[in-house]
């Protein structure tokens, strides 16, 4: 059985998560709340209202059977029912009304922590808010808003140690999570053995310096480096370098939120998609790890793989694996978390970024995005082609 969750710790975590959410959006000016309609962002007032609605739906309505606070709440905030583009034309409550709804909902949820015998839905709402807080920092970057006021748990762009390969020997590794691990998402279940052949994996992610060699060698124009679908994307979008880079008189600059600054060469590369990662690997004579190789390396005691350390600027890491269910998969109550995306081209990412709370970071956690996405804090590490 998993260890019980301390009610005071859970209460504090819920409050801390809300402070972070509020720090990200409450400092925005009124004009900054109105975002362009883009497929990779949400309207600010819709997103924060959705966070509160999700708490209310699963904790107050589903778990404790309270009636809805808003008669039209589902029609406004249910992400499974409200199409993405429609969110820009909804009659959303204004800033103060939204803030009041968020606070009222959190107050009621905090009352539940004192008496709840099963913390599952409280934790679900906590981790859901964590994910949306990180996604809102993506939005700030995408539309050039100022750096979010919420403090980062780790540095945004800190020098990474030079990478070298580590050998992971043949073995049967346990991948995934078990009920004894505490709260886990349905796509992590259940833990199962997997035979993995020996491989060599870089002990740190690719840096800006390494990727710059690919850019300056015209790797973006070298057809041999790109799979068919990736080349079609590159040609269609006219991509010649990472999305937030630009040439400068003294080298390269990078945009960090609303400011341009010199590219920090020894920081982990970030804001590249799965196709860019794969193309670099082809150019360098390397490959991306599978998600199971990544997890085996992360779990290997003494392997020396750099991830999840508080003093390293971290990125999510693309893998070569499609997002697919584990053997015996069955959806948890929030059925739309994983199940709808298994049939899509989503790729698995592992690890975590500087904006990911430590409570979400574990070797078994599976993030997943479509391979063309460059807005997320994603980089990658490589494996040797040799066995």
Protein backbone atom coordinates (compact mmCIF):
# COMPACT_ATOMS: atom_id res chain seq x y z
CA UNK A 1 0.00 0.00 0.00
CA UNK A 2 1.27 3.54 -0.72
CA UNK A 3 2.24 5.68 2.25
CA UNK A 4 -0.59 7.94 3.46
CA UNK A 5 -0.47 11.58 2.39
CA UNK A 6 -0.08 14.05 5.23
CA UNK A 7 -3.07 16.40 5.22
CA UNK A 8 -0.98 19.42 6.25
CA UNK A 9 1.57 18.76 3.51
CA UNK A 10 -1.21 18.38 0.94
CA UNK A 11 -2.88 21.57 2.12
CA UNK A 12 0.40 23.47 1.90
CA UNK A 13 1.09 22.07 -1.57
CA UNK A 14 -2.30 23.18 -2.85
CA UNK A 15 -1.73 26.67 -1.48
CA UNK A 16 1.78 26.87 -2.93
CA UNK A 17 0.53 25.74 -6.35
CA UNK A 18 -2.12 28.46 -6.32
CA UNK A 19 0.39 31.13 -5.32
CA UNK A 20 2.48 30.11 -8.31
CA UNK A 21 -0.53 30.22 -10.65
CA UNK A 22 -1.53 33.63 -9.35
CA UNK A 23 2.01 34.96 -9.67
CA UNK A 24 2.05 33.97 -13.34
CA UNK A 25 -1.19 35.63 -14.39
CA UNK A 26 -2.21 38.32 -11.90
CA UNK A 27 0.73 40.54 -12.81
CA UNK A 28 -0.39 40.77 -16.42
CA UNK A 29 -1.87 44.02 -17.63
CA UNK A 30 -5.41 43.99 -18.97
CA UNK A 31 -4.23 44.15 -22.59
CA UNK A 32 -1.92 41.19 -21.98
CA UNK A 33 -4.86 38.99 -21.04
CA UNK A 34 -6.03 39.13 -24.66
CA UNK A 35 -3.93 36.65 -26.59
CA UNK A 36 -3.92 35.84 -30.29
CA UNK A 37 -5.77 32.70 -31.28
CA UNK A 38 -3.00 30.14 -31.62
CA UNK A 39 -3.31 26.34 -31.51
CA UNK A 40 -0.64 26.07 -28.79
CA UNK A 41 -1.98 28.59 -26.24
CA UNK A 42 -5.18 29.17 -24.29
CA UNK A 43 -6.83 32.48 -23.37
CA UNK A 44 -5.49 33.45 -19.94
CA UNK A 45 -8.88 33.89 -18.26
CA UNK A 46 -10.07 30.60 -19.70
CA UNK A 47 -7.00 28.68 -18.54
CA UNK A 48 -7.01 29.86 -14.94
CA UNK A 49 -10.79 29.44 -14.74
CA UNK A 50 -10.35 25.91 -16.08
CA UNK A 51 -7.83 25.14 -13.30
CA UNK A 52 -10.42 26.12 -10.67
CA UNK A 53 -13.20 24.29 -12.51
CA UNK A 54 -11.12 21.10 -12.62
CA UNK A 55 -10.61 21.31 -8.84
CA UNK A 56 -14.28 21.89 -8.31
CA UNK A 57 -15.36 19.13 -10.68
CA UNK A 58 -13.18 16.34 -9.31
CA UNK A 59 -12.86 17.25 -5.63
CA UNK A 60 -16.05 19.11 -4.73
CA UNK A 61 -18.55 17.67 -7.18
CA UNK A 62 -17.22 14.19 -7.89
CA UNK A 63 -15.68 13.32 -4.52
CA UNK A 64 -17.86 15.23 -2.04
CA UNK A 65 -21.00 15.55 -4.21
CA UNK A 66 -21.39 19.31 -3.83
CA UNK A 67 -23.57 21.05 -6.43
CA UNK A 68 -21.86 23.20 -9.09
CA UNK A 69 -20.95 26.74 -8.09
CA UNK A 70 -21.69 28.08 -11.57
CA UNK A 71 -24.66 26.96 -13.61
CA UNK A 72 -22.69 27.39 -16.83
CA UNK A 73 -19.30 26.25 -15.50
CA UNK A 74 -19.14 23.09 -17.59
CA UNK A 75 -20.07 24.98 -20.75
CA UNK A 76 -17.23 27.42 -20.13
CA UNK A 77 -14.38 25.37 -18.74
CA UNK A 78 -14.69 21.67 -19.56
CA UNK A 79 -11.67 21.13 -21.84
CA UNK A 80 -13.06 17.82 -23.07
CA UNK A 81 -16.22 19.47 -24.37
CA UNK A 82 -15.21 23.04 -25.24
CA UNK A 83 -13.25 23.10 -28.48
CA UNK A 84 -9.98 24.98 -28.40
CA UNK A 85 -10.84 27.77 -30.85
CA UNK A 86 -14.22 28.38 -29.21
CA UNK A 87 -12.52 29.43 -25.96
CA UNK A 88 -11.76 32.86 -27.45
CA UNK A 89 -15.43 33.71 -27.98
CA UNK A 90 -16.95 32.45 -24.71
CA UNK A 91 -18.63 34.90 -22.29
CA UNK A 92 -15.93 34.39 -19.66
CA UNK A 93 -16.08 36.08 -16.26
CA UNK A 94 -13.81 39.11 -15.93
CA UNK A 95 -10.51 39.18 -14.07
CA UNK A 96 -11.97 39.84 -10.60
CA UNK A 97 -14.82 37.38 -11.03
CA UNK A 98 -12.36 34.72 -12.17
CA UNK A 99 -10.06 35.39 -9.23
CA UNK A 100 -13.01 35.17 -6.81
CA UNK A 101 -14.09 31.85 -8.32
CA UNK A 102 -10.57 30.47 -8.01
CA UNK A 103 -10.22 31.54 -4.38
CA UNK A 104 -13.68 30.34 -3.36
CA UNK A 105 -13.01 26.96 -4.94
CA UNK A 106 -9.60 26.61 -3.32
CA UNK A 107 -11.02 27.49 0.11
CA UNK A 108 -13.60 24.72 -0.21
CA UNK A 109 -11.01 22.25 -1.47
CA UNK A 110 -8.72 23.04 1.46
CA UNK A 111 -11.55 22.14 3.82
CA UNK A 112 -11.71 18.71 2.20
CA UNK A 113 -8.04 18.01 2.97
CA UNK A 114 -8.79 17.78 6.69
CA UNK A 115 -11.31 14.97 6.36
CA UNK A 116 -10.55 13.18 3.08
CA UNK A 117 -9.73 9.50 3.53
CA UNK A 118 -8.67 9.12 -0.10
CA UNK A 119 -6.37 11.89 -1.39
CA UNK A 120 -6.49 10.74 -5.04
CA UNK A 121 -8.66 13.55 -6.43
CA UNK A 122 -6.96 16.20 -4.32
CA UNK A 123 -3.61 15.11 -5.76
CA UNK A 124 -5.06 14.92 -9.26
CA UNK A 125 -6.19 18.55 -8.99
CA UNK A 126 -2.83 19.58 -7.53
CA UNK A 127 -0.78 18.03 -10.33
CA UNK A 128 -3.22 19.35 -12.92
CA UNK A 129 -2.61 22.88 -11.62
CA UNK A 130 1.14 22.27 -11.66
CA UNK A 131 0.97 21.29 -15.33
CA UNK A 132 -1.10 24.30 -16.30
CA UNK A 133 1.25 26.65 -14.44
CA UNK A 134 4.12 25.32 -16.53
CA UNK A 135 2.01 25.56 -19.69
CA UNK A 136 1.24 29.20 -18.90
CA UNK A 137 4.97 29.92 -18.81
CA UNK A 138 5.12 28.40 -22.32
CA UNK A 139 2.45 30.91 -23.31
CA UNK A 140 4.47 33.79 -21.89
CA UNK A 141 7.41 32.70 -24.02
CA UNK A 142 5.32 32.09 -27.14
CA UNK A 143 3.72 35.54 -27.22
CA UNK A 144 6.71 37.48 -25.77
CA UNK A 145 5.21 38.32 -22.39
CA UNK A 146 7.57 39.24 -19.52
CA UNK A 147 9.23 36.50 -17.51
CA UNK A 148 6.62 35.10 -15.10
CA UNK A 149 6.80 36.46 -11.59
CA UNK A 150 6.56 32.97 -10.09
CA UNK A 151 9.94 31.76 -8.82
CA UNK A 152 11.53 28.89 -10.74
CA UNK A 153 12.47 25.77 -8.80
CA UNK A 154 15.67 25.52 -10.86
CA UNK A 155 17.72 27.94 -12.98
CA UNK A 156 16.29 28.61 -16.44
CA UNK A 157 19.58 28.34 -18.32
CA UNK A 158 22.56 27.15 -16.32
CA UNK A 159 25.77 25.74 -17.76
CA UNK A 160 25.64 21.99 -18.16
CA UNK A 161 28.66 19.76 -17.57
CA UNK A 162 30.34 18.39 -20.70
CA UNK A 163 28.59 15.19 -21.72
CA UNK A 164 30.17 11.79 -21.96
CA UNK A 165 28.64 8.39 -22.58
CA UNK A 166 27.70 6.00 -19.83
CA UNK A 167 27.19 2.30 -20.44
CA UNK A 168 23.92 0.69 -19.40
CA UNK A 169 24.43 -3.09 -19.57
CA UNK A 170 22.01 -5.74 -20.78
CA UNK A 171 19.32 -6.39 -18.26
CA UNK A 172 15.71 -6.76 -17.31
CA UNK A 173 14.53 -3.40 -16.04
CA UNK A 174 11.29 -2.44 -14.37
CA UNK A 175 9.54 0.37 -16.22
CA UNK A 176 6.37 2.14 -15.18
CA UNK A 177 4.82 2.58 -11.75
CA UNK A 178 2.97 0.39 -9.30
CA UNK A 179 0.17 1.22 -6.85
CA UNK A 180 2.74 1.16 -4.05
CA UNK A 181 4.41 4.23 -5.55
CA UNK A 182 1.60 6.53 -4.43
CA UNK A 183 -0.23 8.74 -6.91
CA UNK A 184 0.68 7.93 -10.51
CA UNK A 185 -1.04 8.67 -13.80
CA UNK A 186 -2.81 5.93 -15.70
CA UNK A 187 -0.30 5.90 -18.56
CA UNK A 188 2.44 4.87 -16.10
CA UNK A 189 0.57 1.71 -15.10
CA UNK A 190 1.48 -0.77 -14.47
CA UNK A 191 5.10 -1.47 -13.65
CA UNK A 192 6.37 -4.31 -15.81
CA UNK A 193 9.70 -5.93 -16.66
CA UNK A 194 11.40 -5.16 -19.95
CA UNK A 195 14.52 -6.71 -21.45
CA UNK A 196 16.80 -3.92 -22.68
CA UNK A 197 19.97 -4.54 -24.65
CA UNK A 198 23.17 -2.80 -23.59
CA UNK A 199 23.51 0.78 -24.85
CA UNK A 200 25.57 3.93 -24.34
CA UNK A 201 23.73 7.14 -23.46
CA UNK A 202 25.00 10.68 -22.91
CA UNK A 203 25.03 11.60 -19.25
CA UNK A 204 23.71 15.12 -20.00
CA UNK A 205 21.46 16.77 -22.59
CA UNK A 206 22.77 18.35 -25.79
CA UNK A 207 23.93 21.94 -25.26
CA UNK A 208 23.47 25.06 -27.37
CA UNK A 209 27.15 24.85 -28.32
CA UNK A 210 26.74 21.34 -29.73
CA UNK A 211 23.56 22.16 -31.62
CA UNK A 212 25.09 25.35 -33.02
CA UNK A 213 27.63 23.18 -34.85
CA UNK A 214 24.71 21.47 -36.60
CA UNK A 215 23.14 24.83 -37.50
CA UNK A 216 26.36 26.32 -38.84
CA UNK A 217 27.10 23.16 -40.83
CA UNK A 218 23.81 23.82 -42.68
CA UNK A 219 22.22 20.79 -41.08
CA UNK A 220 18.79 22.34 -41.54
CA UNK A 221 19.34 22.34 -45.30
CA UNK A 222 20.90 18.86 -45.51
CA UNK A 223 18.15 16.54 -46.76
CA UNK A 224 20.10 13.48 -45.58
CA UNK A 225 19.56 14.50 -41.97
CA UNK A 226 15.79 14.60 -42.11
CA UNK A 227 13.08 11.96 -42.18
CA UNK A 228 10.41 12.54 -44.85
CA UNK A 229 7.76 14.00 -42.53
CA UNK A 230 10.35 16.13 -40.74
CA UNK A 231 11.73 17.50 -44.02
CA UNK A 232 8.25 18.40 -45.21
CA UNK A 233 7.67 20.33 -41.97
CA UNK A 234 11.06 22.09 -42.21
CA UNK A 235 10.47 23.11 -45.83
CA UNK A 236 6.87 24.20 -45.24
CA UNK A 237 7.82 26.37 -42.24
CA UNK A 238 11.10 27.63 -43.71
CA UNK A 239 12.97 26.61 -40.57
CA UNK A 240 16.75 27.24 -40.52
CA UNK A 241 17.54 27.24 -36.79
CA UNK A 242 15.80 26.89 -33.40
CA UNK A 243 12.70 29.00 -33.11
CA UNK A 244 13.95 31.62 -30.63
CA UNK A 245 17.45 32.04 -32.05
CA UNK A 246 18.65 34.85 -34.31
CA UNK A 247 22.02 35.78 -35.77
CA UNK A 248 23.74 38.71 -34.10
CA UNK A 249 26.85 40.72 -34.87
CA UNK A 250 28.86 38.77 -32.31
CA UNK A 251 27.30 35.35 -32.76
CA UNK A 252 23.76 34.31 -31.83
CA UNK A 253 21.07 35.74 -29.59
CA UNK A 254 18.12 33.96 -28.03
CA UNK A 255 14.78 35.39 -26.94
CA UNK A 256 13.92 34.67 -23.33
CA UNK A 257 10.31 35.77 -22.87
CA UNK A 258 10.27 39.45 -23.93
CA UNK A 259 14.05 40.03 -24.04
CA UNK A 260 16.83 39.11 -26.43
CA UNK A 261 20.17 38.11 -24.93
CA UNK A 262 23.36 36.36 -26.06
CA UNK A 263 23.00 32.61 -26.46
CA UNK A 264 24.55 30.82 -23.49
CA UNK A 265 26.54 28.19 -25.31
CA UNK A 266 26.99 25.73 -22.47
CA UNK A 267 23.36 25.73 -21.33
CA UNK A 268 21.11 22.82 -22.34
CA UNK A 269 19.45 23.33 -25.70
CA UNK A 270 15.75 24.11 -25.38
CA UNK A 271 12.74 24.80 -27.63
CA UNK A 272 13.45 22.25 -30.32
CA UNK A 273 10.95 19.70 -31.53
CA UNK A 274 11.31 15.94 -31.93
CA UNK A 275 12.17 16.26 -35.62
CA UNK A 276 14.96 18.74 -34.96
CA UNK A 277 16.30 16.44 -32.25
CA UNK A 278 16.22 13.44 -34.56
CA UNK A 279 17.88 15.36 -37.39
CA UNK A 280 20.75 16.46 -35.15
CA UNK A 281 21.24 12.84 -34.14
CA UNK A 282 21.43 11.72 -37.79
CA UNK A 283 23.97 14.46 -38.53
CA UNK A 284 26.05 13.55 -35.45
CA UNK A 285 25.92 9.79 -36.03
CA UNK A 286 23.84 9.28 -32.90
CA UNK A 287 20.23 8.47 -32.07
CA UNK A 288 17.52 9.36 -29.57
CA UNK A 289 16.96 6.91 -26.72
CA UNK A 290 13.71 5.03 -26.45
CA UNK A 291 11.64 6.06 -23.46
CA UNK A 292 12.47 2.72 -21.83
CA UNK A 293 16.21 3.20 -22.31
CA UNK A 294 15.87 6.66 -20.79
CA UNK A 295 14.02 5.28 -17.76
CA UNK A 296 16.47 2.40 -17.33
CA UNK A 297 19.38 4.86 -17.32
CA UNK A 298 17.61 7.22 -14.91
CA UNK A 299 16.90 4.35 -12.52
CA UNK A 300 20.38 2.80 -12.73
CA UNK A 301 22.16 3.35 -9.46
CA UNK A 302 25.50 5.06 -9.94
CA UNK A 303 25.04 5.52 -13.69
CA UNK A 304 25.75 9.24 -13.42
CA UNK A 305 22.95 10.43 -15.70
CA UNK A 306 22.27 14.14 -15.11
CA UNK A 307 18.58 14.80 -14.67
CA UNK A 308 16.39 16.17 -11.89
CA UNK A 309 19.25 17.89 -10.08
CA UNK A 310 18.39 21.18 -8.35
CA UNK A 311 21.53 22.96 -9.62
CA UNK A 312 21.20 22.12 -13.31
CA UNK A 313 19.08 24.04 -15.81
CA UNK A 314 16.76 21.28 -16.96
CA UNK A 315 14.73 20.52 -20.05
CA UNK A 316 12.18 17.92 -20.97
CA UNK A 317 13.86 15.34 -23.17
CA UNK A 318 12.45 13.98 -26.39
CA UNK A 319 12.64 10.22 -26.90
CA UNK A 320 12.21 8.09 -30.00
CA UNK A 321 9.05 6.50 -28.60
CA UNK A 322 5.46 7.09 -29.60
CA UNK A 323 3.01 7.58 -26.76
CA UNK A 324 1.33 4.20 -26.42
CA UNK A 325 -0.40 2.37 -23.56
CA UNK A 326 1.41 -0.13 -21.38
CA UNK A 327 0.21 -3.76 -21.32
CA UNK A 328 -3.08 -4.05 -19.47
CA UNK A 329 -3.79 -0.30 -19.58
CA UNK A 330 -7.11 0.89 -18.21
CA UNK A 331 -8.07 4.56 -17.85
CA UNK A 332 -8.37 6.26 -14.50
CA UNK A 333 -11.49 8.33 -13.72
CA UNK A 334 -10.13 11.29 -15.69
CA UNK A 335 -10.38 9.26 -18.89
CA UNK A 336 -9.26 12.06 -21.21
CA UNK A 337 -5.81 12.42 -19.65
CA UNK A 338 -4.12 9.69 -21.72
CA UNK A 339 -6.52 7.53 -23.68
CA UNK A 340 -7.45 9.96 -26.50
CA UNK A 341 -3.79 10.53 -27.41
CA UNK A 342 -2.60 6.97 -27.90
CA UNK A 343 -3.84 6.86 -31.50
CA UNK A 344 -2.19 10.19 -32.34
CA UNK A 345 1.44 10.89 -33.34
CA UNK A 346 2.38 12.12 -29.86
CA UNK A 347 5.96 11.44 -28.77
CA UNK A 348 7.06 10.70 -25.21
CA UNK A 349 9.30 13.11 -23.31
CA UNK A 350 10.98 12.28 -20.05
CA UNK A 351 12.56 14.21 -17.19
CA UNK A 352 11.31 17.70 -16.48
CA UNK A 353 12.15 21.36 -17.00
CA UNK A 354 13.14 24.26 -14.79
CA UNK A 355 9.42 25.07 -14.53
CA UNK A 356 8.34 21.57 -13.48
CA UNK A 357 7.65 21.14 -9.74
CA UNK A 358 9.88 18.53 -8.11
CA UNK A 359 6.80 16.58 -6.99
CA UNK A 360 6.08 15.69 -10.63
CA UNK A 361 9.60 14.59 -11.50
CA UNK A 362 10.23 10.85 -11.34
CA UNK A 363 11.83 8.38 -13.75
CA UNK A 364 8.47 6.86 -14.68
CA UNK A 365 6.62 10.11 -15.52
CA UNK A 366 5.62 10.25 -19.19
CA UNK A 367 5.08 13.64 -20.79
CA UNK A 368 3.74 13.64 -24.33
CA UNK A 369 3.44 16.15 -27.15
CA UNK A 370 3.11 16.13 -30.92
CA UNK A 371 6.53 15.99 -32.59
CA UNK A 372 6.26 19.42 -34.24
CA UNK A 373 5.88 21.33 -30.93
CA UNK A 374 8.72 23.77 -30.22
CA UNK A 375 7.08 25.90 -27.56
CA UNK A 376 7.68 23.49 -24.69
CA UNK A 377 10.89 23.49 -22.65
CA UNK A 378 12.25 20.49 -24.52
CA UNK A 379 15.72 19.40 -25.52
CA UNK A 380 17.19 15.91 -25.76
CA UNK A 381 20.14 13.64 -25.06
CA UNK A 382 21.65 11.13 -27.45
CA UNK A 383 22.70 7.50 -27.61
CA UNK A 384 25.52 5.81 -29.48
CA UNK A 385 24.56 3.88 -32.61
CA UNK A 386 26.94 1.10 -31.58
CA UNK A 387 25.58 -1.77 -29.43
